[in-house]
Amino acid sequence: MRKFTNKKYDLEERTARFGEKIIDLCKEVPRSPVNDPIVNQLVRAGTSVGSNYCEANGASSKKDFRNKIFTCKKESKESKYWLRMLARAVNTLKNECRELWQEAQEFTLIFSKIASSSK
């Protein structure tokens, strides 16, 4: 069973939980000139995955849906990047970053599959 949600296939819930975990992680990061921009970018990307997925579910057309799913994929990939940078900046959070990185990787794969299936 996943740590993020009991409903493994409920992507709205799963992406929302991911965003919440990103917020919780970022609250633990000590403020510094190096950490602050990383945290800002990570919060933006990590919470955007879920909001864009919600928008995709309410899309007005197939093209709109596909574009939103591509945005979900891009934000998932960006989250992975910023999690890597945060793990480097704050070594004590490396394990938490690794766990969230893995979830972002799964989202990237899921959204890639959805996008390719929605042609």
PDB file of N, CA and C in Angstrom:
ATOM      1  N   MET A   1       0.848  -1.187   0.000  1.00  0.00           N
ATOM      2  CA  MET A   1       0.000   0.000   0.000  1.00  0.00           C
ATOM      3  C   MET A   1       0.889   1.245   0.000  1.00  0.00           C
ATOM      4  N   ARG A   2       0.501   2.245  -0.742  1.00  0.00           N
ATOM      5  CA  ARG A   2       1.272   3.482  -0.880  1.00  0.00           C
ATOM      6  C   ARG A   2       1.187   4.329   0.387  1.00  0.00           C
ATOM      7  N   LYS A   3       2.229   5.061   0.653  1.00  0.00           N
ATOM      8  CA  LYS A   3       2.223   5.981   1.783  1.00  0.00           C
ATOM      9  C   LYS A   3       1.383   7.217   1.487  1.00  0.00           C
ATOM     10  N   PHE A   4       1.258   7.566   0.222  1.00  0.00           N
ATOM     11  CA  PHE A   4       0.628   8.824  -0.144  1.00  0.00           C
ATOM     12  C   PHE A   4      -0.889   8.775  -0.099  1.00  0.00           C
ATOM     13  N   THR A   5      -1.475   7.642  -0.402  1.00  0.00           N
ATOM     14  CA  THR A   5      -2.924   7.532  -0.409  1.00  0.00           C
ATOM     15  C   THR A   5      -3.326   6.065  -0.371  1.00  0.00           C
ATOM     16  N   ASN A   6      -4.470   5.787   0.190  1.00  0.00           N
ATOM     17  CA  ASN A   6      -4.988   4.427   0.175  1.00  0.00           C
ATOM     18  C   ASN A   6      -5.604   4.091  -1.172  1.00  0.00           C
ATOM     19  N   LYS A   7      -5.963   5.095  -1.934  1.00  0.00           N
ATOM     20  CA  LYS A   7      -6.557   4.905  -3.249  1.00  0.00           C
ATOM     21  C   LYS A   7      -5.466   5.121  -4.298  1.00  0.00           C
ATOM     22  N   LYS A   8      -4.724   4.076  -4.564  1.00  0.00           N
ATOM     23  CA  LYS A   8      -3.561   4.170  -5.444  1.00  0.00           C
ATOM     24  C   LYS A   8      -3.895   4.787  -6.796  1.00  0.00           C
ATOM     25  N   TYR A   9      -5.080   4.499  -7.324  1.00  0.00           N
ATOM     26  CA  TYR A   9      -5.404   4.947  -8.666  1.00  0.00           C
ATOM     27  C   TYR A   9      -6.216   6.243  -8.688  1.00  0.00           C
ATOM     28  N   ASP A  10      -6.470   6.835  -7.539  1.00  0.00           N
ATOM     29  CA  ASP A  10      -7.159   8.126  -7.465  1.00  0.00           C
ATOM     30  C   ASP A  10      -6.109   9.219  -7.602  1.00  0.00           C
ATOM     31  N   LEU A  11      -5.848   9.620  -8.851  1.00  0.00           N
ATOM     32  CA  LEU A  11      -4.764  10.572  -9.093  1.00  0.00           C
ATOM     33  C   LEU A  11      -5.030  11.950  -8.508  1.00  0.00           C
ATOM     34  N   GLU A  12      -6.280  12.363  -8.439  1.00  0.00           N
ATOM     35  CA  GLU A  12      -6.555  13.665  -7.821  1.00  0.00           C
ATOM     36  C   GLU A  12      -6.111  13.668  -6.371  1.00  0.00           C
ATOM     37  N   GLU A  13      -6.480  12.628  -5.653  1.00  0.00           N
ATOM     38  CA  GLU A  13      -6.085  12.524  -4.244  1.00  0.00           C
ATOM     39  C   GLU A  13      -4.569  12.328  -4.116  1.00  0.00           C
ATOM     40  N   ARG A  14      -4.034  11.493  -4.952  1.00  0.00           N
ATOM     41  CA  ARG A  14      -2.604  11.186  -4.882  1.00  0.00           C
ATOM     42  C   ARG A  14      -1.748  12.417  -5.171  1.00  0.00           C
ATOM     43  N   THR A  15      -2.127  13.204  -6.176  1.00  0.00           N
ATOM     44  CA  THR A  15      -1.356  14.403  -6.487  1.00  0.00           C
ATOM     45  C   THR A  15      -1.537  15.471  -5.406  1.00  0.00           C
ATOM     46  N   ALA A  16      -2.732  15.518  -4.808  1.00  0.00           N
ATOM     47  CA  ALA A  16      -2.960  16.468  -3.703  1.00  0.00           C
ATOM     48  C   ALA A  16      -2.079  16.093  -2.504  1.00  0.00           C
ATOM     49  N   ARG A  17      -2.021  14.811  -2.196  1.00  0.00           N
ATOM     50  CA  ARG A  17      -1.166  14.358  -1.086  1.00  0.00           C
ATOM     51  C   ARG A  17       0.301  14.664  -1.361  1.00  0.00           C
ATOM     52  N   PHE A  18       0.707  14.497  -2.609  1.00  0.00           N
ATOM     53  CA  PHE A  18       2.075  14.828  -3.002  1.00  0.00           C
ATOM     54  C   PHE A  18       2.361  16.302  -2.719  1.00  0.00           C
ATOM     55  N   GLY A  19       1.448  17.178  -3.129  1.00  0.00           N
ATOM     56  CA  GLY A  19       1.608  18.609  -2.873  1.00  0.00           C
ATOM     57  C   GLY A  19       1.693  18.912  -1.384  1.00  0.00           C
ATOM     58  N   GLU A  20       0.860  18.230  -0.598  1.00  0.00           N
ATOM     59  CA  GLU A  20       0.887  18.425   0.859  1.00  0.00           C
ATOM     60  C   GLU A  20       2.224  17.976   1.443  1.00  0.00           C
ATOM     61  N   LYS A  21       2.730  16.843   0.958  1.00  0.00           N
ATOM     62  CA  LYS A  21       4.033  16.352   1.440  1.00  0.00           C
ATOM     63  C   LYS A  21       5.152  17.314   1.066  1.00  0.00           C
ATOM     64  N   ILE A  22       5.064  17.903  -0.110  1.00  0.00           N
ATOM     65  CA  ILE A  22       6.061  18.900  -0.537  1.00  0.00           C
ATOM     66  C   ILE A  22       6.020  20.099   0.413  1.00  0.00           C
ATOM     67  N   ILE A  23       4.829  20.572   0.722  1.00  0.00           N
ATOM     68  CA  ILE A  23       4.682  21.706   1.643  1.00  0.00           C
ATOM     69  C   ILE A  23       5.265  21.359   3.006  1.00  0.00           C
ATOM     70  N   ASP A  24       4.911  20.189   3.525  1.00  0.00           N
ATOM     71  CA  ASP A  24       5.426  19.766   4.832  1.00  0.00           C
ATOM     72  C   ASP A  24       6.952  19.689   4.830  1.00  0.00           C
ATOM     73  N   LEU A  25       7.521  19.130   3.771  1.00  0.00           N
ATOM     74  CA  LEU A  25       8.974  19.039   3.663  1.00  0.00           C
ATOM     75  C   LEU A  25       9.610  20.422   3.647  1.00  0.00           C
ATOM     76  N   CYS A  26       9.053  21.313   2.863  1.00  0.00           N
ATOM     77  CA  CYS A  26       9.641  22.649   2.709  1.00  0.00           C
ATOM     78  C   CYS A  26       9.565  23.462   3.994  1.00  0.00           C
ATOM     79  N   LYS A  27       8.594  23.174   4.838  1.00  0.00           N
ATOM     80  CA  LYS A  27       8.513  23.853   6.137  1.00  0.00           C
ATOM     81  C   LYS A  27       9.678  23.481   7.042  1.00  0.00           C
ATOM     82  N   GLU A  28      10.298  22.319   6.786  1.00  0.00           N
ATOM     83  CA  GLU A  28      11.427  21.858   7.589  1.00  0.00           C
ATOM     84  C   GLU A  28      12.765  22.453   7.146  1.00  0.00           C
ATOM     85  N   VAL A  29      12.788  23.085   5.993  1.00  0.00           N
ATOM     86  CA  VAL A  29      14.043  23.581   5.421  1.00  0.00           C
ATOM     87  C   VAL A  29      14.457  24.877   6.104  1.00  0.00           C
ATOM     88  N   PRO A  30      15.698  24.921   6.623  1.00  0.00           N
ATOM     89  CA  PRO A  30      16.174  26.170   7.222  1.00  0.00           C
ATOM     90  C   PRO A  30      16.307  27.269   6.160  1.00  0.00           C
ATOM     91  N   ARG A  31      15.948  28.475   6.540  1.00  0.00           N
ATOM     92  CA  ARG A  31      16.027  29.601   5.608  1.00  0.00           C
ATOM     93  C   ARG A  31      17.479  29.974   5.362  1.00  0.00           C
ATOM     94  N   SER A  32      17.803  30.199   4.094  1.00  0.00           N
ATOM     95  CA  SER A  32      19.131  30.663   3.700  1.00  0.00           C
ATOM     96  C   SER A  32      19.053  31.173   2.261  1.00  0.00           C
ATOM     97  N   PRO A  33      20.062  31.933   1.828  1.00  0.00           N
ATOM     98  CA  PRO A  33      20.057  32.415   0.439  1.00  0.00           C
ATOM     99  C   PRO A  33      20.092  31.284  -0.592  1.00  0.00           C
ATOM    100  N   VAL A  34      20.618  30.134  -0.226  1.00  0.00           N
ATOM    101  CA  VAL A  34      20.633  28.991  -1.138  1.00  0.00           C
ATOM    102  C   VAL A  34      19.302  28.254  -1.089  1.00  0.00           C
ATOM    103  N   ASN A  35      18.797  28.004   0.103  1.00  0.00           N
ATOM    104  CA  ASN A  35      17.590  27.186   0.265  1.00  0.00           C
ATOM    105  C   ASN A  35      16.309  27.887  -0.188  1.00  0.00           C
ATOM    106  N   ASP A  36      16.199  29.175   0.061  1.00  0.00           N
ATOM    107  CA  ASP A  36      14.943  29.882  -0.219  1.00  0.00           C
ATOM    108  C   ASP A  36      14.485  29.761  -1.675  1.00  0.00           C
ATOM    109  N   PRO A  37      15.357  29.998  -2.668  1.00  0.00           N
ATOM    110  CA  PRO A  37      14.882  29.855  -4.055  1.00  0.00           C
ATOM    111  C   PRO A  37      14.522  28.415  -4.418  1.00  0.00           C
ATOM    112  N   ILE A  38      15.249  27.458  -3.853  1.00  0.00           N
ATOM    113  CA  ILE A  38      14.934  26.052  -4.115  1.00  0.00           C
ATOM    114  C   ILE A  38      13.552  25.720  -3.563  1.00  0.00           C
ATOM    115  N   VAL A  39      13.281  26.151  -2.343  1.00  0.00           N
ATOM    116  CA  VAL A  39      11.980  25.907  -1.710  1.00  0.00           C
ATOM    117  C   VAL A  39      10.867  26.556  -2.529  1.00  0.00           C
ATOM    118  N   ASN A  40      11.069  27.797  -2.944  1.00  0.00           N
ATOM    119  CA  ASN A  40      10.036  28.482  -3.739  1.00  0.00           C
ATOM    120  C   ASN A  40       9.714  27.709  -5.011  1.00  0.00           C
ATOM    121  N   GLN A  41      10.739  27.284  -5.718  1.00  0.00           N
ATOM    122  CA  GLN A  41      10.525  26.554  -6.967  1.00  0.00           C
ATOM    123  C   GLN A  41       9.884  25.194  -6.721  1.00  0.00           C
ATOM    124  N   LEU A  42      10.329  24.512  -5.677  1.00  0.00           N
ATOM    125  CA  LEU A  42       9.792  23.188  -5.373  1.00  0.00           C
ATOM    126  C   LEU A  42       8.320  23.264  -4.988  1.00  0.00           C
ATOM    127  N   VAL A  43       7.953  24.243  -4.180  1.00  0.00           N
ATOM    128  CA  VAL A  43       6.543  24.391  -3.792  1.00  0.00           C
ATOM    129  C   VAL A  43       5.694  24.690  -5.024  1.00  0.00           C
ATOM    130  N   ARG A  44       6.177  25.549  -5.892  1.00  0.00           N
ATOM    131  CA  ARG A  44       5.415  25.877  -7.105  1.00  0.00           C
ATOM    132  C   ARG A  44       5.212  24.641  -7.981  1.00  0.00           C
ATOM    133  N   ALA A  45       6.296  23.921  -8.245  1.00  0.00           N
ATOM    134  CA  ALA A  45       6.209  22.757  -9.132  1.00  0.00           C
ATOM    135  C   ALA A  45       5.422  21.622  -8.469  1.00  0.00           C
ATOM    136  N   GLY A  46       5.730  21.341  -7.219  1.00  0.00           N
ATOM    137  CA  GLY A  46       5.121  20.208  -6.536  1.00  0.00           C
ATOM    138  C   GLY A  46       3.627  20.344  -6.318  1.00  0.00           C
ATOM    139  N   THR A  47       3.162  21.559  -6.041  1.00  0.00           N
ATOM    140  CA  THR A  47       1.724  21.761  -5.851  1.00  0.00           C
ATOM    141  C   THR A  47       0.995  21.937  -7.184  1.00  0.00           C
ATOM    142  N   SER A  48       1.735  22.291  -8.210  1.00  0.00           N
ATOM    143  CA  SER A  48       1.146  22.487  -9.533  1.00  0.00           C
ATOM    144  C   SER A  48       0.729  21.178 -10.189  1.00  0.00           C
ATOM    145  N   VAL A  49       1.381  20.084  -9.837  1.00  0.00           N
ATOM    146  CA  VAL A  49       1.029  18.793 -10.428  1.00  0.00           C
ATOM    147  C   VAL A  49      -0.459  18.511 -10.201  1.00  0.00           C
ATOM    148  N   GLY A  50      -0.897  18.615  -8.963  1.00  0.00           N
ATOM    149  CA  GLY A  50      -2.289  18.332  -8.632  1.00  0.00           C
ATOM    150  C   GLY A  50      -3.274  19.336  -9.191  1.00  0.00           C
ATOM    151  N   SER A  51      -2.916  20.613  -9.140  1.00  0.00           N
ATOM    152  CA  SER A  51      -3.851  21.617  -9.647  1.00  0.00           C
ATOM    153  C   SER A  51      -4.052  21.463 -11.151  1.00  0.00           C
ATOM    154  N   ASN A  52      -2.987  21.143 -11.871  1.00  0.00           N
ATOM    155  CA  ASN A  52      -3.119  20.935 -13.310  1.00  0.00           C
ATOM    156  C   ASN A  52      -3.877  19.651 -13.628  1.00  0.00           C
ATOM    157  N   TYR A  53      -3.744  18.643 -12.782  1.00  0.00           N
ATOM    158  CA  TYR A  53      -4.510  17.420 -13.006  1.00  0.00           C
ATOM    159  C   TYR A  53      -6.005  17.688 -12.804  1.00  0.00           C
ATOM    160  N   CYS A  54      -6.340  18.468 -11.789  1.00  0.00           N
ATOM    161  CA  CYS A  54      -7.745  18.846 -11.584  1.00  0.00           C
ATOM    162  C   CYS A  54      -8.270  19.618 -12.797  1.00  0.00           C
ATOM    163  N   GLU A  55      -7.462  20.524 -13.329  1.00  0.00           N
ATOM    164  CA  GLU A  55      -7.857  21.271 -14.519  1.00  0.00           C
ATOM    165  C   GLU A  55      -8.042  20.342 -15.716  1.00  0.00           C
ATOM    166  N   ALA A  56      -7.161  19.356 -15.842  1.00  0.00           N
ATOM    167  CA  ALA A  56      -7.275  18.399 -16.954  1.00  0.00           C
ATOM    168  C   ALA A  56      -8.601  17.657 -16.875  1.00  0.00           C
ATOM    169  N   ASN A  57      -8.999  17.283 -15.673  1.00  0.00           N
ATOM    170  CA  ASN A  57     -10.267  16.560 -15.514  1.00  0.00           C
ATOM    171  C   ASN A  57     -11.468  17.419 -15.880  1.00  0.00           C
ATOM    172  N   GLY A  58     -11.313  18.726 -15.838  1.00  0.00           N
ATOM    173  CA  GLY A  58     -12.400  19.620 -16.226  1.00  0.00           C
ATOM    174  C   GLY A  58     -12.177  20.253 -17.590  1.00  0.00           C
ATOM    175  N   ALA A  59     -11.313  19.657 -18.387  1.00  0.00           N
ATOM    176  CA  ALA A  59     -10.951  20.232 -19.685  1.00  0.00           C
ATOM    177  C   ALA A  59     -12.161  20.363 -20.600  1.00  0.00           C
ATOM    178  N   SER A  60     -12.114  21.385 -21.452  1.00  0.00           N
ATOM    179  CA  SER A  60     -13.228  21.665 -22.355  1.00  0.00           C
ATOM    180  C   SER A  60     -13.130  20.905 -23.675  1.00  0.00           C
ATOM    181  N   SER A  61     -11.978  20.314 -23.938  1.00  0.00           N
ATOM    182  CA  SER A  61     -11.801  19.549 -25.168  1.00  0.00           C
ATOM    183  C   SER A  61     -10.686  18.521 -24.966  1.00  0.00           C
ATOM    184  N   LYS A  62     -10.570  17.618 -25.912  1.00  0.00           N
ATOM    185  CA  LYS A  62      -9.515  16.610 -25.852  1.00  0.00           C
ATOM    186  C   LYS A  62      -8.137  17.286 -25.932  1.00  0.00           C
ATOM    187  N   LYS A  63      -8.032  18.311 -26.766  1.00  0.00           N
ATOM    188  CA  LYS A  63      -6.769  19.042 -26.911  1.00  0.00           C
ATOM    189  C   LYS A  63      -6.409  19.739 -25.597  1.00  0.00           C
ATOM    190  N   ASP A  64      -7.388  20.363 -24.968  1.00  0.00           N
ATOM    191  CA  ASP A  64      -7.175  21.031 -23.683  1.00  0.00           C
ATOM    192  C   ASP A  64      -6.732  20.015 -22.626  1.00  0.00           C
ATOM    193  N   PHE A  65      -7.402  18.856 -22.598  1.00  0.00           N
ATOM    194  CA  PHE A  65      -7.044  17.788 -21.663  1.00  0.00           C
ATOM    195  C   PHE A  65      -5.588  17.375 -21.866  1.00  0.00           C
ATOM    196  N   ARG A  66      -5.227  17.121 -23.105  1.00  0.00           N
ATOM    197  CA  ARG A  66      -3.861  16.674 -23.415  1.00  0.00           C
ATOM    198  C   ARG A  66      -2.827  17.723 -23.002  1.00  0.00           C
ATOM    199  N   ASN A  67      -3.109  18.990 -23.268  1.00  0.00           N
ATOM    200  CA  ASN A  67      -2.179  20.059 -22.879  1.00  0.00           C
ATOM    201  C   ASN A  67      -1.989  20.112 -21.364  1.00  0.00           C
ATOM    202  N   LYS A  68      -3.073  19.963 -20.624  1.00  0.00           N
ATOM    203  CA  LYS A  68      -2.979  19.981 -19.158  1.00  0.00           C
ATOM    204  C   LYS A  68      -2.189  18.771 -18.647  1.00  0.00           C
ATOM    205  N   ILE A  69      -2.404  17.618 -19.267  1.00  0.00           N
ATOM    206  CA  ILE A  69      -1.652  16.425 -18.873  1.00  0.00           C
ATOM    207  C   ILE A  69      -0.168  16.616 -19.165  1.00  0.00           C
ATOM    208  N   PHE A  70       0.163  17.221 -20.286  1.00  0.00           N
ATOM    209  CA  PHE A  70       1.570  17.520 -20.576  1.00  0.00           C
ATOM    210  C   PHE A  70       2.154  18.463 -19.524  1.00  0.00           C
ATOM    211  N   THR A  71       1.353  19.415 -19.071  1.00  0.00           N
ATOM    212  CA  THR A  71       1.808  20.315 -18.011  1.00  0.00           C
ATOM    213  C   THR A  71       2.045  19.536 -16.724  1.00  0.00           C
ATOM    214  N   CYS A  72       1.172  18.594 -16.408  1.00  0.00           N
ATOM    215  CA  CYS A  72       1.381  17.738 -15.229  1.00  0.00           C
ATOM    216  C   CYS A  72       2.717  17.008 -15.332  1.00  0.00           C
ATOM    217  N   LYS A  73       2.988  16.472 -16.506  1.00  0.00           N
ATOM    218  CA  LYS A  73       4.248  15.755 -16.730  1.00  0.00           C
ATOM    219  C   LYS A  73       5.442  16.691 -16.546  1.00  0.00           C
ATOM    220  N   LYS A  74       5.358  17.883 -17.110  1.00  0.00           N
ATOM    221  CA  LYS A  74       6.460  18.850 -16.982  1.00  0.00           C
ATOM    222  C   LYS A  74       6.684  19.246 -15.525  1.00  0.00           C
ATOM    223  N   GLU A  75       5.613  19.479 -14.788  1.00  0.00           N
ATOM    224  CA  GLU A  75       5.735  19.881 -13.389  1.00  0.00           C
ATOM    225  C   GLU A  75       6.276  18.731 -12.530  1.00  0.00           C
ATOM    226  N   SER A  76       5.918  17.507 -12.879  1.00  0.00           N
ATOM    227  CA  SER A  76       6.465  16.342 -12.169  1.00  0.00           C
ATOM    228  C   SER A  76       7.971  16.254 -12.382  1.00  0.00           C
ATOM    229  N   LYS A  77       8.387  16.458 -13.627  1.00  0.00           N
ATOM    230  CA  LYS A  77       9.828  16.416 -13.925  1.00  0.00           C
ATOM    231  C   LYS A  77      10.562  17.556 -13.228  1.00  0.00           C
ATOM    232  N   GLU A  78       9.958  18.733 -13.208  1.00  0.00           N
ATOM    233  CA  GLU A  78      10.576  19.870 -12.529  1.00  0.00           C
ATOM    234  C   GLU A  78      10.671  19.605 -11.024  1.00  0.00           C
ATOM    235  N   SER A  79       9.655  18.990 -10.459  1.00  0.00           N
ATOM    236  CA  SER A  79       9.691  18.639  -9.030  1.00  0.00           C
ATOM    237  C   SER A  79      10.869  17.730  -8.732  1.00  0.00           C
ATOM    238  N   LYS A  80      11.115  16.772  -9.604  1.00  0.00           N
ATOM    239  CA  LYS A  80      12.257  15.874  -9.426  1.00  0.00           C
ATOM    240  C   LYS A  80      13.566  16.659  -9.384  1.00  0.00           C
ATOM    241  N   TYR A  81      13.683  17.614 -10.283  1.00  0.00           N
ATOM    242  CA  TYR A  81      14.902  18.434 -10.322  1.00  0.00           C
ATOM    243  C   TYR A  81      15.103  19.186  -9.003  1.00  0.00           C
ATOM    244  N   TRP A  82      14.052  19.862  -8.543  1.00  0.00           N
ATOM    245  CA  TRP A  82      14.183  20.661  -7.320  1.00  0.00           C
ATOM    246  C   TRP A  82      14.352  19.794  -6.080  1.00  0.00           C
ATOM    247  N   LEU A  83      13.775  18.607  -6.082  1.00  0.00           N
ATOM    248  CA  LEU A  83      14.009  17.675  -4.967  1.00  0.00           C
ATOM    249  C   LEU A  83      15.481  17.255  -4.928  1.00  0.00           C
ATOM    250  N   ARG A  84      16.059  17.043  -6.083  1.00  0.00           N
ATOM    251  CA  ARG A  84      17.492  16.710  -6.151  1.00  0.00           C
ATOM    252  C   ARG A  84      18.333  17.852  -5.597  1.00  0.00           C
ATOM    253  N   MET A  85      17.986  19.075  -5.984  1.00  0.00           N
ATOM    254  CA  MET A  85      18.743  20.240  -5.501  1.00  0.00           C
ATOM    255  C   MET A  85      18.574  20.408  -3.991  1.00  0.00           C
ATOM    256  N   LEU A  86      17.360  20.179  -3.491  1.00  0.00           N
ATOM    257  CA  LEU A  86      17.119  20.311  -2.056  1.00  0.00           C
ATOM    258  C   LEU A  86      17.883  19.243  -1.267  1.00  0.00           C
ATOM    259  N   ALA A  87      17.923  18.032  -1.793  1.00  0.00           N
ATOM    260  CA  ALA A  87      18.679  16.968  -1.126  1.00  0.00           C
ATOM    261  C   ALA A  87      20.152  17.335  -1.018  1.00  0.00           C
ATOM    262  N   ARG A  88      20.663  18.032  -2.015  1.00  0.00           N
ATOM    263  CA  ARG A  88      22.061  18.473  -1.997  1.00  0.00           C
ATOM    264  C   ARG A  88      22.249  19.627  -1.011  1.00  0.00           C
ATOM    265  N   ALA A  89      21.290  20.540  -0.978  1.00  0.00           N
ATOM    266  CA  ALA A  89      21.404  21.732  -0.128  1.00  0.00           C
ATOM    267  C   ALA A  89      21.214  21.397   1.351  1.00  0.00           C
ATOM    268  N   VAL A  90      20.323  20.457   1.653  1.00  0.00           N
ATOM    269  CA  VAL A  90      20.007  20.100   3.039  1.00  0.00           C
ATOM    270  C   VAL A  90      20.151  18.580   3.171  1.00  0.00           C
ATOM    271  N   ASN A  91      21.342  18.154   3.460  1.00  0.00           N
ATOM    272  CA  ASN A  91      21.674  16.729   3.481  1.00  0.00           C
ATOM    273  C   ASN A  91      20.788  15.923   4.438  1.00  0.00           C
ATOM    274  N   THR A  92      20.334  16.530   5.517  1.00  0.00           N
ATOM    275  CA  THR A  92      19.510  15.813   6.499  1.00  0.00           C
ATOM    276  C   THR A  92      18.125  15.447   5.959  1.00  0.00           C
ATOM    277  N   LEU A  93      17.717  16.052   4.849  1.00  0.00           N
ATOM    278  CA  LEU A  93      16.405  15.760   4.255  1.00  0.00           C
ATOM    279  C   LEU A  93      16.511  14.840   3.038  1.00  0.00           C
ATOM    280  N   LYS A  94      17.679  14.250   2.847  1.00  0.00           N
ATOM    281  CA  LYS A  94      17.923  13.432   1.659  1.00  0.00           C
ATOM    282  C   LYS A  94      16.921  12.283   1.515  1.00  0.00           C
ATOM    283  N   ASN A  95      16.611  11.580   2.603  1.00  0.00           N
ATOM    284  CA  ASN A  95      15.677  10.449   2.513  1.00  0.00           C
ATOM    285  C   ASN A  95      14.273  10.898   2.136  1.00  0.00           C
ATOM    286  N   GLU A  96      13.796  11.986   2.742  1.00  0.00           N
ATOM    287  CA  GLU A  96      12.474  12.511   2.405  1.00  0.00           C
ATOM    288  C   GLU A  96      12.426  12.949   0.940  1.00  0.00           C
ATOM    289  N   CYS A  97      13.504  13.594   0.494  1.00  0.00           N
ATOM    290  CA  CYS A  97      13.570  14.034  -0.907  1.00  0.00           C
ATOM    291  C   CYS A  97      13.563  12.837  -1.851  1.00  0.00           C
ATOM    292  N   ARG A  98      14.265  11.788  -1.480  1.00  0.00           N
ATOM    293  CA  ARG A  98      14.319  10.584  -2.321  1.00  0.00           C
ATOM    294  C   ARG A  98      12.932   9.961  -2.462  1.00  0.00           C
ATOM    295  N   GLU A  99      12.197   9.882  -1.363  1.00  0.00           N
ATOM    296  CA  GLU A  99      10.844   9.311  -1.397  1.00  0.00           C
ATOM    297  C   GLU A  99       9.917  10.138  -2.290  1.00  0.00           C
ATOM    298  N   LEU A 100       9.979  11.450  -2.144  1.00  0.00           N
ATOM    299  CA  LEU A 100       9.141  12.319  -2.972  1.00  0.00           C
ATOM    300  C   LEU A 100       9.603  12.303  -4.429  1.00  0.00           C
ATOM    301  N   TRP A 101      10.909  12.187  -4.655  1.00  0.00           N
ATOM    302  CA  TRP A 101      11.439  12.090  -6.012  1.00  0.00           C
ATOM    303  C   TRP A 101      10.851  10.861  -6.705  1.00  0.00           C
ATOM    304  N   GLN A 102      10.773   9.748  -5.976  1.00  0.00           N
ATOM    305  CA  GLN A 102      10.229   8.522  -6.550  1.00  0.00           C
ATOM    306  C   GLN A 102       8.760   8.696  -6.921  1.00  0.00           C
ATOM    307  N   GLU A 103       8.006   9.358  -6.087  1.00  0.00           N
ATOM    308  CA  GLU A 103       6.595   9.620  -6.400  1.00  0.00           C
ATOM    309  C   GLU A 103       6.491  10.522  -7.628  1.00  0.00           C
ATOM    310  N   ALA A 104       7.332  11.540  -7.714  1.00  0.00           N
ATOM    311  CA  ALA A 104       7.329  12.424  -8.883  1.00  0.00           C
ATOM    312  C   ALA A 104       7.706  11.645 -10.149  1.00  0.00           C
ATOM    313  N   GLN A 105       8.613  10.703 -10.015  1.00  0.00           N
ATOM    314  CA  GLN A 105       8.987   9.857 -11.153  1.00  0.00           C
ATOM    315  C   GLN A 105       7.792   9.014 -11.607  1.00  0.00           C
ATOM    316  N   GLU A 106       7.066   8.454 -10.662  1.00  0.00           N
ATOM    317  CA  GLU A 106       5.873   7.677 -11.012  1.00  0.00           C
ATOM    318  C   GLU A 106       4.836   8.552 -11.713  1.00  0.00           C
ATOM    319  N   PHE A 107       4.666   9.787 -11.222  1.00  0.00           N
ATOM    320  CA  PHE A 107       3.742  10.715 -11.893  1.00  0.00           C
ATOM    321  C   PHE A 107       4.198  10.986 -13.319  1.00  0.00           C
ATOM    322  N   THR A 108       5.482  11.190 -13.506  1.00  0.00           N
ATOM    323  CA  THR A 108       6.014  11.453 -14.842  1.00  0.00           C
ATOM    324  C   THR A 108       5.656  10.308 -15.783  1.00  0.00           C
ATOM    325  N   LEU A 109       5.841   9.091 -15.326  1.00  0.00           N
ATOM    326  CA  LEU A 109       5.519   7.920 -16.149  1.00  0.00           C
ATOM    327  C   LEU A 109       4.014   7.799 -16.401  1.00  0.00           C
ATOM    328  N   ILE A 110       3.228   8.035 -15.377  1.00  0.00           N
ATOM    329  CA  ILE A 110       1.766   7.954 -15.512  1.00  0.00           C
ATOM    330  C   ILE A 110       1.261   8.996 -16.502  1.00  0.00           C
ATOM    331  N   PHE A 111       1.720  10.239 -16.341  1.00  0.00           N
ATOM    332  CA  PHE A 111       1.237  11.307 -17.231  1.00  0.00           C
ATOM    333  C   PHE A 111       1.752  11.130 -18.659  1.00  0.00           C
ATOM    334  N   SER A 112       2.922  10.553 -18.818  1.00  0.00           N
ATOM    335  CA  SER A 112       3.420  10.240 -20.164  1.00  0.00           C
ATOM    336  C   SER A 112       2.497   9.239 -20.836  1.00  0.00           C
ATOM    337  N   LYS A 113       2.086   8.231 -20.087  1.00  0.00           N
ATOM    338  CA  LYS A 113       1.200   7.196 -20.626  1.00  0.00           C
ATOM    339  C   LYS A 113      -0.181   7.783 -20.963  1.00  0.00           C
ATOM    340  N   ILE A 114      -0.704   8.600 -20.065  1.00  0.00           N
ATOM    341  CA  ILE A 114      -2.010   9.229 -20.320  1.00  0.00           C
ATOM    342  C   ILE A 114      -1.937  10.099 -21.565  1.00  0.00           C
ATOM    343  N   ALA A 115      -0.866  10.889 -21.686  1.00  0.00           N
ATOM    344  CA  ALA A 115      -0.717  11.786 -22.842  1.00  0.00           C
ATOM    345  C   ALA A 115      -0.623  10.997 -24.140  1.00  0.00           C
ATOM    346  N   SER A 116       0.138   9.926 -24.130  1.00  0.00           N
ATOM    347  CA  SER A 116       0.282   9.142 -25.369  1.00  0.00           C
ATOM    348  C   SER A 116      -1.006   8.381 -25.710  1.00  0.00           C
ATOM    349  N   SER A 117      -1.815   8.078 -24.702  1.00  0.00           N
ATOM    350  CA  SER A 117      -3.074   7.372 -24.931  1.00  0.00           C
ATOM    351  C   SER A 117      -4.195   8.291 -25.380  1.00  0.00           C
ATOM    352  N   SER A 118      -4.020   9.589 -25.187  1.00  0.00           N
ATOM    353  CA  SER A 118      -5.102  10.528 -25.488  1.00  0.00           C
ATOM    354  C   SER A 118      -4.976  11.191 -26.847  1.00  0.00           C
ATOM    355  N   LYS A 119      -4.210  10.607 -27.732  1.00  0.00           N
ATOM    356  CA  LYS A 119      -4.035  11.177 -29.082  1.00  0.00           C
ATOM    357  C   LYS A 119      -5.272  11.032 -29.910  1.00  0.00           C
TER     358      LYS A 119
END
